[in-house]
Amino acid sequence: MRAAGGKWVGRRWGSVGQVDPAPSSKQLLRWSQALAGIARTGLGFTESLYEQERFEEILRVAADIQVTADGGDAAGMDVDGQVEEWLGAVGHGVPGYVTPKVAVGAAVGNDKGEILLVQRADSGVWLYPTGWADIGYSAAEVVVKEVEEETGIEVEVVRLIAVLDGLRVGISRIPLYSLVFQCRAVGGELKAHPLECADVGWFGPDSLPAPMAGLERWGNQIFAALRGDPVEVLYDPVRSPTWRGDPDKV
């Protein structure tokens, strides 16, 4: 329940009488996407009209949460529109089981110790080259293809260095797992993709552009890998309680 002053009061993860700050927009978005995934998967498997109605109601609650996280319908999607979009993507049976999408990322280094970054045309934020995992390609093959398409640089893949939850890192507004590969530049010339990238360039660790997406989560790992340091694959730690724990306080 809510108390005067905008604080959440009551039982939270086993505590009684604890006063906690209102959930962040990042938490609200995660809860919304989790509810929507459960409901869409349920719709994909049930034949019961009663259950279909209940799952659709859950979708509406999830849409309410998401619109609240966006500060109203500032993102251009109201509750009805979000529900319709989710319903339009419902499959049947196993194809309808909702899972995170898969994306790949490329941590590309050069002989100067610089990293290859692109500025996304849609958001203006800077990040290493990324792209959706296309069917028919291995993850490493998609990396090579995406880097050349987005930046004009030809690369070879060195190793997998991270598996990240896009919602937790803050690089995505939809559920996705990002497979990040260390790559080495072997040719090509810088040329930003005319639709996907506003800019592209090489940057040293002390001259990074702004704004950057998720740097605090992947920066140390990627620059250590580009220096040639022995690094283990980075992944998101398990929260406590699992799933319910604060992803920013693991």
C-alpha atoms as a PDB file:
ATOM      1  CA  MET A   1       0.000   0.000   0.000  1.00  0.00           C
ATOM      2  CA  ARG A   2       1.011   3.631  -0.315  1.00  0.00           C
ATOM      3  CA  ALA A   3       1.413   6.151   2.466  1.00  0.00           C
ATOM      4  CA  ALA A   4       1.373   9.949   2.334  1.00  0.00           C
ATOM      5  CA  GLY A   5       4.573  11.300   0.866  1.00  0.00           C
ATOM      6  CA  GLY A   6       4.868   8.746  -1.941  1.00  0.00           C
ATOM      7  CA  LYS A   7       6.650   5.974   0.000  1.00  0.00           C
ATOM      8  CA  TRP A   8       5.867   2.297  -0.205  1.00  0.00           C
ATOM      9  CA  VAL A   9       4.990   0.896   3.210  1.00  0.00           C
ATOM     10  CA  GLY A  10       4.404  -2.604   4.481  1.00  0.00           C
ATOM     11  CA  ARG A  11       5.761  -6.042   3.712  1.00  0.00           C
ATOM     12  CA  ARG A  12       8.509  -6.296   1.132  1.00  0.00           C
ATOM     13  CA  TRP A  13      10.612  -9.420   0.760  1.00  0.00           C
ATOM     14  CA  GLY A  14       9.753 -10.532   4.298  1.00  0.00           C
ATOM     15  CA  SER A  15      10.137  -7.188   6.099  1.00  0.00           C
ATOM     16  CA  VAL A  16       7.313  -5.684   8.152  1.00  0.00           C
ATOM     17  CA  GLY A  17       6.744  -1.968   8.596  1.00  0.00           C
ATOM     18  CA  GLN A  18       9.684  -1.107   6.327  1.00  0.00           C
ATOM     19  CA  VAL A  19       9.535   2.130   4.363  1.00  0.00           C
ATOM     20  CA  ASP A  20      11.095   1.831   0.887  1.00  0.00           C
ATOM     21  CA  PRO A  21      11.430   4.309  -1.971  1.00  0.00           C
ATOM     22  CA  ALA A  22       8.941   4.012  -4.792  1.00  0.00           C
ATOM     23  CA  PRO A  23      10.169   1.600  -7.504  1.00  0.00           C
ATOM     24  CA  SER A  24      12.302   3.084 -10.248  1.00  0.00           C
ATOM     25  CA  SER A  25      11.195   3.238 -13.871  1.00  0.00           C
ATOM     26  CA  LYS A  26      13.778   0.530 -14.595  1.00  0.00           C
ATOM     27  CA  GLN A  27      12.135  -1.794 -12.055  1.00  0.00           C
ATOM     28  CA  LEU A  28       8.656  -0.994 -13.345  1.00  0.00           C
ATOM     29  CA  LEU A  29       9.730  -1.803 -16.885  1.00  0.00           C
ATOM     30  CA  ARG A  30      11.209  -5.143 -15.775  1.00  0.00           C
ATOM     31  CA  TRP A  31       8.016  -6.072 -13.903  1.00  0.00           C
ATOM     32  CA  SER A  32       5.886  -5.062 -16.871  1.00  0.00           C
ATOM     33  CA  GLN A  33       7.881  -7.149 -19.322  1.00  0.00           C
ATOM     34  CA  ALA A  34       7.883 -10.159 -16.975  1.00  0.00           C
ATOM     35  CA  LEU A  35       4.093 -10.036 -16.569  1.00  0.00           C
ATOM     36  CA  ALA A  36       3.574  -9.557 -20.300  1.00  0.00           C
ATOM     37  CA  GLY A  37       5.814 -12.554 -21.056  1.00  0.00           C
ATOM     38  CA  ILE A  38       3.893 -14.797 -18.655  1.00  0.00           C
ATOM     39  CA  ALA A  39       0.551 -13.703 -20.086  1.00  0.00           C
ATOM     40  CA  ARG A  40       1.565 -14.072 -23.742  1.00  0.00           C
ATOM     41  CA  THR A  41       3.024 -17.524 -23.091  1.00  0.00           C
ATOM     42  CA  GLY A  42      -0.188 -18.503 -21.329  1.00  0.00           C
ATOM     43  CA  LEU A  43      -2.253 -17.302 -24.290  1.00  0.00           C
ATOM     44  CA  GLY A  44      -0.062 -19.381 -26.583  1.00  0.00           C
ATOM     45  CA  PHE A  45      -0.821 -22.609 -24.735  1.00  0.00           C
ATOM     46  CA  THR A  46      -4.352 -22.348 -23.322  1.00  0.00           C
ATOM     47  CA  GLU A  47      -7.585 -23.293 -25.096  1.00  0.00           C
ATOM     48  CA  SER A  48      -9.735 -22.092 -22.195  1.00  0.00           C
ATOM     49  CA  LEU A  49     -11.758 -18.943 -22.867  1.00  0.00           C
ATOM     50  CA  TYR A  50     -11.723 -18.177 -19.139  1.00  0.00           C
ATOM     51  CA  GLU A  51      -7.916 -18.357 -19.004  1.00  0.00           C
ATOM     52  CA  GLN A  52      -7.598 -16.290 -22.181  1.00  0.00           C
ATOM     53  CA  GLU A  53      -9.619 -13.503 -20.579  1.00  0.00           C
ATOM     54  CA  ARG A  54      -7.485 -13.626 -17.417  1.00  0.00           C
ATOM     55  CA  PHE A  55      -4.232 -13.512 -19.400  1.00  0.00           C
ATOM     56  CA  GLU A  56      -5.491 -10.574 -21.440  1.00  0.00           C
ATOM     57  CA  GLU A  57      -6.312  -8.769 -18.199  1.00  0.00           C
ATOM     58  CA  ILE A  58      -2.752  -9.408 -17.010  1.00  0.00           C
ATOM     59  CA  LEU A  59      -1.513  -7.852 -20.251  1.00  0.00           C
ATOM     60  CA  ARG A  60      -3.544  -4.741 -19.487  1.00  0.00           C
ATOM     61  CA  VAL A  61      -2.016  -4.518 -16.003  1.00  0.00           C
ATOM     62  CA  ALA A  62       1.450  -4.939 -17.532  1.00  0.00           C
ATOM     63  CA  ALA A  63       0.682  -2.178 -20.043  1.00  0.00           C
ATOM     64  CA  ASP A  64      -0.461   0.117 -17.218  1.00  0.00           C
ATOM     65  CA  ILE A  65       2.848  -0.480 -15.455  1.00  0.00           C
ATOM     66  CA  GLN A  66       4.858   0.179 -18.608  1.00  0.00           C
ATOM     67  CA  VAL A  67       3.024   3.407 -19.436  1.00  0.00           C
ATOM     68  CA  THR A  68       3.601   4.527 -15.841  1.00  0.00           C
ATOM     69  CA  ALA A  69       7.313   3.755 -16.210  1.00  0.00           C
ATOM     70  CA  ASP A  70       7.340   5.911 -19.342  1.00  0.00           C
ATOM     71  CA  GLY A  71       5.748   8.804 -17.488  1.00  0.00           C
ATOM     72  CA  GLY A  72       2.411   8.516 -19.253  1.00  0.00           C
ATOM     73  CA  ASP A  73       2.265   7.788 -22.964  1.00  0.00           C
ATOM     74  CA  ALA A  74       5.314   9.972 -23.669  1.00  0.00           C
ATOM     75  CA  ALA A  75       6.900   7.083 -25.567  1.00  0.00           C
ATOM     76  CA  GLY A  76       4.038   7.222 -28.069  1.00  0.00           C
ATOM     77  CA  MET A  77       2.253   4.041 -26.877  1.00  0.00           C
ATOM     78  CA  ASP A  78      -0.855   4.160 -24.680  1.00  0.00           C
ATOM     79  CA  VAL A  79      -2.244   1.219 -22.728  1.00  0.00           C
ATOM     80  CA  ASP A  80      -4.612   0.016 -25.472  1.00  0.00           C
ATOM     81  CA  GLY A  81      -1.907   0.290 -28.108  1.00  0.00           C
ATOM     82  CA  GLN A  82       0.588  -1.675 -26.012  1.00  0.00           C
ATOM     83  CA  VAL A  83      -1.941  -4.425 -25.309  1.00  0.00           C
ATOM     84  CA  GLU A  84      -2.774  -4.725 -29.005  1.00  0.00           C
ATOM     85  CA  GLU A  85       0.920  -4.921 -29.904  1.00  0.00           C
ATOM     86  CA  TRP A  86       1.504  -7.712 -27.400  1.00  0.00           C
ATOM     87  CA  LEU A  87      -1.622  -9.625 -28.518  1.00  0.00           C
ATOM     88  CA  GLY A  88      -0.512  -9.359 -32.127  1.00  0.00           C
ATOM     89  CA  ALA A  89       2.725 -11.163 -31.266  1.00  0.00           C
ATOM     90  CA  VAL A  90       1.110 -14.126 -29.492  1.00  0.00           C
ATOM     91  CA  GLY A  91       2.052 -17.478 -31.027  1.00  0.00           C
ATOM     92  CA  HIS A  92       0.656 -20.950 -30.437  1.00  0.00           C
ATOM     93  CA  GLY A  93       2.307 -23.811 -28.602  1.00  0.00           C
ATOM     94  CA  VAL A  94       6.086 -23.905 -28.307  1.00  0.00           C
ATOM     95  CA  PRO A  95       6.597 -21.055 -30.859  1.00  0.00           C
ATOM     96  CA  GLY A  96       4.406 -18.947 -28.578  1.00  0.00           C
ATOM     97  CA  TYR A  97       6.601 -19.438 -25.507  1.00  0.00           C
ATOM     98  CA  VAL A  98       7.947 -15.948 -24.882  1.00  0.00           C
ATOM     99  CA  THR A  99      11.705 -15.758 -24.283  1.00  0.00           C
ATOM    100  CA  PRO A 100      14.201 -12.883 -24.414  1.00  0.00           C
ATOM    101  CA  LYS A 101      15.384 -11.937 -27.870  1.00  0.00           C
ATOM    102  CA  VAL A 102      19.067 -12.536 -28.670  1.00  0.00           C
ATOM    103  CA  ALA A 103      21.432  -9.795 -29.762  1.00  0.00           C
ATOM    104  CA  VAL A 104      25.161  -9.731 -30.385  1.00  0.00           C
ATOM    105  CA  GLY A 105      27.684  -7.046 -29.544  1.00  0.00           C
ATOM    106  CA  ALA A 106      31.238  -6.440 -30.750  1.00  0.00           C
ATOM    107  CA  ALA A 107      34.042  -5.065 -28.587  1.00  0.00           C
ATOM    108  CA  VAL A 108      36.446  -4.150 -31.393  1.00  0.00           C
ATOM    109  CA  GLY A 109      39.942  -2.942 -30.586  1.00  0.00           C
ATOM    110  CA  ASN A 110      42.756  -1.541 -32.716  1.00  0.00           C
ATOM    111  CA  ASP A 111      46.549  -1.305 -32.360  1.00  0.00           C
ATOM    112  CA  LYS A 112      46.217   2.003 -30.456  1.00  0.00           C
ATOM    113  CA  GLY A 113      44.199   0.469 -27.645  1.00  0.00           C
ATOM    114  CA  GLU A 114      41.015   2.200 -28.813  1.00  0.00           C
ATOM    115  CA  ILE A 115      37.483   0.798 -28.979  1.00  0.00           C
ATOM    116  CA  LEU A 116      35.111   1.083 -31.910  1.00  0.00           C
ATOM    117  CA  LEU A 117      31.856   2.834 -30.940  1.00  0.00           C
ATOM    118  CA  VAL A 118      28.727   3.854 -32.796  1.00  0.00           C
ATOM    119  CA  GLN A 119      26.173   6.522 -31.979  1.00  0.00           C
ATOM    120  CA  ARG A 120      22.691   5.102 -32.387  1.00  0.00           C
ATOM    121  CA  ALA A 121      20.570   7.143 -34.776  1.00  0.00           C
ATOM    122  CA  ASP A 122      17.363   6.442 -32.852  1.00  0.00           C
ATOM    123  CA  SER A 123      18.514   7.388 -29.348  1.00  0.00           C
ATOM    124  CA  GLY A 124      21.755   9.339 -29.772  1.00  0.00           C
ATOM    125  CA  VAL A 125      23.557   7.133 -27.227  1.00  0.00           C
ATOM    126  CA  TRP A 126      26.957   5.597 -27.873  1.00  0.00           C
ATOM    127  CA  LEU A 127      27.647   1.869 -27.621  1.00  0.00           C
ATOM    128  CA  TYR A 128      29.774  -0.836 -29.203  1.00  0.00           C
ATOM    129  CA  PRO A 129      28.274  -2.181 -32.477  1.00  0.00           C
ATOM    130  CA  THR A 130      25.254  -4.403 -31.822  1.00  0.00           C
ATOM    131  CA  GLY A 131      22.613  -6.227 -33.809  1.00  0.00           C
ATOM    132  CA  TRP A 132      19.912  -8.872 -33.631  1.00  0.00           C
ATOM    133  CA  ALA A 133      20.955 -12.502 -34.058  1.00  0.00           C
ATOM    134  CA  ASP A 134      19.821 -13.409 -37.579  1.00  0.00           C
ATOM    135  CA  ILE A 135      18.528 -16.892 -38.343  1.00  0.00           C
ATOM    136  CA  GLY A 136      20.927 -18.947 -40.435  1.00  0.00           C
ATOM    137  CA  TYR A 137      24.057 -17.372 -38.969  1.00  0.00           C
ATOM    138  CA  SER A 138      26.108 -18.403 -35.970  1.00  0.00           C
ATOM    139  CA  ALA A 139      26.443 -15.740 -33.265  1.00  0.00           C
ATOM    140  CA  ALA A 140      30.045 -15.042 -34.294  1.00  0.00           C
ATOM    141  CA  GLU A 141      29.057 -14.716 -37.956  1.00  0.00           C
ATOM    142  CA  VAL A 142      26.403 -12.145 -37.072  1.00  0.00           C
ATOM    143  CA  VAL A 143      29.054 -10.142 -35.200  1.00  0.00           C
ATOM    144  CA  VAL A 144      31.306  -9.950 -38.256  1.00  0.00           C
ATOM    145  CA  LYS A 145      28.376  -8.976 -40.477  1.00  0.00           C
ATOM    146  CA  GLU A 146      26.962  -6.350 -38.112  1.00  0.00           C
ATOM    147  CA  VAL A 147      30.286  -4.584 -37.504  1.00  0.00           C
ATOM    148  CA  GLU A 148      30.974  -4.203 -41.208  1.00  0.00           C
ATOM    149  CA  GLU A 149      27.411  -3.054 -41.928  1.00  0.00           C
ATOM    150  CA  GLU A 150      27.338  -0.480 -39.119  1.00  0.00           C
ATOM    151  CA  THR A 151      30.905   0.834 -39.244  1.00  0.00           C
ATOM    152  CA  GLY A 152      32.649  -0.300 -42.461  1.00  0.00           C
ATOM    153  CA  ILE A 153      35.302  -2.099 -40.386  1.00  0.00           C
ATOM    154  CA  GLU A 154      36.201  -5.733 -41.104  1.00  0.00           C
ATOM    155  CA  VAL A 155      36.891  -7.848 -38.022  1.00  0.00           C
ATOM    156  CA  GLU A 156      37.815 -11.294 -36.844  1.00  0.00           C
ATOM    157  CA  VAL A 157      36.253 -12.727 -33.690  1.00  0.00           C
ATOM    158  CA  VAL A 158      38.630 -13.477 -30.807  1.00  0.00           C
ATOM    159  CA  ARG A 159      36.456 -14.738 -27.939  1.00  0.00           C
ATOM    160  CA  LEU A 160      33.154 -14.423 -26.097  1.00  0.00           C
ATOM    161  CA  ILE A 161      33.586 -12.045 -23.154  1.00  0.00           C
ATOM    162  CA  ALA A 162      30.079 -11.275 -21.845  1.00  0.00           C
ATOM    163  CA  VAL A 163      26.492 -12.494 -21.712  1.00  0.00           C
ATOM    164  CA  LEU A 164      24.299  -9.656 -20.467  1.00  0.00           C
ATOM    165  CA  ASP A 165      20.616  -9.093 -19.715  1.00  0.00           C
ATOM    166  CA  GLY A 166      19.721  -5.977 -21.702  1.00  0.00           C
ATOM    167  CA  LEU A 167      17.007  -4.869 -19.284  1.00  0.00           C
ATOM    168  CA  ARG A 168      19.335  -5.059 -16.294  1.00  0.00           C
ATOM    169  CA  VAL A 169      22.182  -3.271 -18.051  1.00  0.00           C
ATOM    170  CA  GLY A 170      19.857  -0.588 -19.351  1.00  0.00           C
ATOM    171  CA  ILE A 171      20.762  -0.948 -23.033  1.00  0.00           C
ATOM    172  CA  SER A 172      17.289  -2.160 -24.026  1.00  0.00           C
ATOM    173  CA  ARG A 173      13.624  -1.565 -23.264  1.00  0.00           C
ATOM    174  CA  ILE A 174      12.636  -5.073 -24.312  1.00  0.00           C
ATOM    175  CA  PRO A 175      13.845  -8.402 -22.878  1.00  0.00           C
ATOM    176  CA  LEU A 176      17.052  -9.530 -24.585  1.00  0.00           C
ATOM    177  CA  TYR A 177      20.285 -11.373 -23.917  1.00  0.00           C
ATOM    178  CA  SER A 178      23.339  -9.742 -25.462  1.00  0.00           C
ATOM    179  CA  LEU A 179      26.312 -11.943 -26.416  1.00  0.00           C
ATOM    180  CA  VAL A 180      29.363  -9.697 -26.507  1.00  0.00           C
ATOM    181  CA  PHE A 181      32.434 -10.850 -28.458  1.00  0.00           C
ATOM    182  CA  GLN A 182      35.921  -9.385 -28.428  1.00  0.00           C
ATOM    183  CA  CYS A 183      36.984  -8.687 -31.996  1.00  0.00           C
ATOM    184  CA  ARG A 184      40.116  -7.529 -33.790  1.00  0.00           C
ATOM    185  CA  ALA A 185      39.988  -5.034 -36.666  1.00  0.00           C
ATOM    186  CA  VAL A 186      41.608  -6.470 -39.803  1.00  0.00           C
ATOM    187  CA  GLY A 187      40.561  -4.031 -42.537  1.00  0.00           C
ATOM    188  CA  GLY A 188      37.971  -1.681 -43.928  1.00  0.00           C
ATOM    189  CA  GLU A 189      37.388   2.046 -43.450  1.00  0.00           C
ATOM    190  CA  LEU A 190      35.133   3.911 -41.042  1.00  0.00           C
ATOM    191  CA  LYS A 191      31.738   4.559 -42.564  1.00  0.00           C
ATOM    192  CA  ALA A 192      28.601   4.935 -40.444  1.00  0.00           C
ATOM    193  CA  HIS A 193      25.487   3.089 -41.588  1.00  0.00           C
ATOM    194  CA  PRO A 194      23.222   5.779 -43.106  1.00  0.00           C
ATOM    195  CA  LEU A 195      20.093   4.640 -41.240  1.00  0.00           C
ATOM    196  CA  GLU A 196      21.231   2.980 -38.018  1.00  0.00           C
ATOM    197  CA  CYS A 197      24.174   5.143 -36.948  1.00  0.00           C
ATOM    198  CA  ALA A 198      24.519   8.901 -36.517  1.00  0.00           C
ATOM    199  CA  ASP A 199      28.281   8.638 -36.071  1.00  0.00           C
ATOM    200  CA  VAL A 200      31.092   6.138 -35.625  1.00  0.00           C
ATOM    201  CA  GLY A 201      34.648   6.339 -34.378  1.00  0.00           C
ATOM    202  CA  TRP A 202      37.611   4.992 -32.430  1.00  0.00           C
ATOM    203  CA  PHE A 203      37.946   6.122 -28.808  1.00  0.00           C
ATOM    204  CA  GLY A 204      40.452   5.588 -26.037  1.00  0.00           C
ATOM    205  CA  PRO A 205      39.322   4.745 -22.479  1.00  0.00           C
ATOM    206  CA  ASP A 206      40.028   8.355 -21.399  1.00  0.00           C
ATOM    207  CA  SER A 207      38.202  10.025 -24.300  1.00  0.00           C
ATOM    208  CA  LEU A 208      34.862   8.244 -24.476  1.00  0.00           C
ATOM    209  CA  PRO A 209      31.898  10.116 -25.974  1.00  0.00           C
ATOM    210  CA  ALA A 210      28.653  10.806 -24.116  1.00  0.00           C
ATOM    211  CA  PRO A 211      26.071   9.654 -23.433  1.00  0.00           C
ATOM    212  CA  MET A 212      27.213   6.044 -23.143  1.00  0.00           C
ATOM    213  CA  ALA A 213      24.847   3.105 -22.589  1.00  0.00           C
ATOM    214  CA  GLY A 214      25.678   0.779 -19.668  1.00  0.00           C
ATOM    215  CA  LEU A 215      29.367   1.742 -19.437  1.00  0.00           C
ATOM    216  CA  GLU A 216      29.486   1.059 -15.694  1.00  0.00           C
ATOM    217  CA  ARG A 217      28.476  -2.550 -16.351  1.00  0.00           C
ATOM    218  CA  TRP A 218      30.679  -3.510 -19.290  1.00  0.00           C
ATOM    219  CA  GLY A 219      33.456  -0.895 -19.424  1.00  0.00           C
ATOM    220  CA  ASN A 220      36.056  -2.570 -17.184  1.00  0.00           C
ATOM    221  CA  GLN A 221      35.450  -5.988 -18.737  1.00  0.00           C
ATOM    222  CA  ILE A 222      35.753  -4.837 -22.330  1.00  0.00           C
ATOM    223  CA  PHE A 223      38.828  -2.648 -21.886  1.00  0.00           C
ATOM    224  CA  ALA A 224      40.554  -5.399 -19.908  1.00  0.00           C
ATOM    225  CA  ALA A 225      39.844  -7.826 -22.760  1.00  0.00           C
ATOM    226  CA  LEU A 226      41.117  -5.360 -25.366  1.00  0.00           C
ATOM    227  CA  ARG A 227      44.355  -4.968 -23.361  1.00  0.00           C
ATOM    228  CA  GLY A 228      44.812  -8.721 -23.572  1.00  0.00           C
ATOM    229  CA  ASP A 229      44.166  -9.372 -19.889  1.00  0.00           C
ATOM    230  CA  PRO A 230      42.902 -12.863 -18.990  1.00  0.00           C
ATOM    231  CA  VAL A 231      39.199 -12.294 -18.304  1.00  0.00           C
ATOM    232  CA  GLU A 232      36.401 -14.711 -17.531  1.00  0.00           C
ATOM    233  CA  VAL A 233      33.075 -14.379 -19.339  1.00  0.00           C
ATOM    234  CA  LEU A 234      31.068 -11.627 -17.635  1.00  0.00           C
ATOM    235  CA  TYR A 235      27.459 -12.437 -16.790  1.00  0.00           C
ATOM    236  CA  ASP A 236      24.755 -10.953 -14.587  1.00  0.00           C
ATOM    237  CA  PRO A 237      24.991 -12.329 -11.033  1.00  0.00           C
ATOM    238  CA  VAL A 238      22.084 -14.164  -9.450  1.00  0.00           C
ATOM    239  CA  ARG A 239      19.912 -11.873  -7.364  1.00  0.00           C
ATOM    240  CA  SER A 240      18.782 -12.707  -3.865  1.00  0.00           C
ATOM    241  CA  PRO A 241      15.907 -13.460  -3.759  1.00  0.00           C
ATOM    242  CA  THR A 242      16.193 -14.788  -7.304  1.00  0.00           C
ATOM    243  CA  TRP A 243      14.465 -12.465  -9.800  1.00  0.00           C
ATOM    244  CA  ARG A 244      12.914 -10.333  -7.038  1.00  0.00           C
ATOM    245  CA  GLY A 245      16.158  -8.801  -5.816  1.00  0.00           C
ATOM    246  CA  ASP A 246      17.139  -5.316  -6.919  1.00  0.00           C
ATOM    247  CA  PRO A 247      19.242  -5.712 -10.119  1.00  0.00           C
ATOM    248  CA  ASP A 248      21.210  -2.590  -9.184  1.00  0.00           C
ATOM    249  CA  LYS A 249      22.180  -3.968  -5.758  1.00  0.00           C
ATOM    250  CA  VAL A 250      23.417  -7.491  -6.514  1.00  0.00           C
END
